[in-house]
Protein backbone atom coordinates (compact mmCIF):
# COMPACT_ATOMS: atom_id res chain seq x y z
CA MET A 1 34.52 -2.13 -10.79
CA HIS A 2 32.54 0.78 -11.01
CA TYR A 3 30.05 -1.01 -13.45
CA GLU A 4 29.58 -3.68 -10.79
CA LEU A 5 28.99 -1.29 -8.01
CA TYR A 6 26.15 0.54 -10.00
CA LEU A 7 24.76 -2.64 -10.73
CA GLU A 8 24.78 -4.01 -7.17
CA ASN A 9 23.46 -0.49 -6.14
CA LEU A 10 20.46 -0.70 -8.15
CA GLU A 11 19.83 -4.75 -7.17
CA LEU A 12 19.46 -3.06 -3.60
CA LYS A 13 17.35 -0.06 -4.57
CA LYS A 14 14.86 -2.87 -6.23
CA ARG A 15 15.21 -5.16 -3.09
CA LEU A 16 14.32 -1.95 -0.17
CA ILE A 17 11.18 -0.80 -2.94
CA GLU A 18 10.06 -4.75 -2.85
CA ALA A 19 10.17 -4.43 1.07
CA GLN A 20 8.51 -0.95 1.35
CA LEU A 21 5.96 -2.15 -1.05
CA GLN A 22 5.26 -5.53 1.01
CA LEU A 23 5.28 -3.45 3.72
CA LEU A 24 2.77 -0.68 2.31
CA HIS A 25 0.59 -3.78 1.18
CA MET A 26 0.27 -4.90 4.64
CA GLN A 27 -0.57 -1.17 6.22
CA TYR A 28 -3.22 -1.13 3.62
CA ALA A 29 -4.64 -4.58 4.83
CA ALA A 30 -4.79 -3.51 8.31
CA VAL A 31 -6.48 -0.58 7.53
CA LEU A 32 -8.67 -2.31 5.24
CA GLN A 33 -9.48 -4.71 8.37
CA GLU A 34 -9.78 -1.93 10.93
CA MET A 35 -12.28 -0.18 9.00
CA GLU A 36 -14.31 -3.01 8.34
CA ARG A 37 -14.27 -3.69 12.02
CA PHE A 38 -15.18 -0.20 12.86
CA SER A 39 -18.22 -0.81 10.31
CA THR A 40 -19.19 -3.97 12.07
CA GLU A 41 -19.15 -2.44 15.75
CA TYR A 42 -20.74 0.90 14.54
CA GLY A 43 -22.52 0.61 11.46
CA PRO A 44 -21.87 1.98 7.97
CA PRO A 45 -20.18 5.17 7.22
CA VAL A 46 -22.42 8.03 6.59
CA HIS A 47 -20.53 9.26 3.24
CA THR A 48 -17.26 7.93 2.11
CA GLU A 49 -15.62 9.29 -0.99
CA ALA A 50 -13.38 7.17 -3.62
CA VAL A 51 -9.55 7.75 -3.69
CA PRO A 52 -9.07 9.18 -7.34
CA GLY A 53 -7.34 5.92 -9.00
CA SER A 54 -8.41 3.69 -6.41
CA ARG A 55 -10.38 0.67 -7.44
CA GLU A 56 -13.68 2.44 -5.52
CA ASP A 57 -13.09 5.53 -8.13
CA ASN A 58 -15.45 4.43 -10.96
CA SER A 59 -14.66 8.18 -12.80
């Protein structure tokens, strides 16, 4: 009984994390879209720093 509840709890946690990850992807896409719109309207940024560990971080 406890084993089944434990597995069910893990499955629910997994589904929650998957939903949170999907939300983060959507928020990230929205931020990139806003950055693109802003850049199109106001020109390229003067200076940008890559976020450590991001695709833009070439170190």
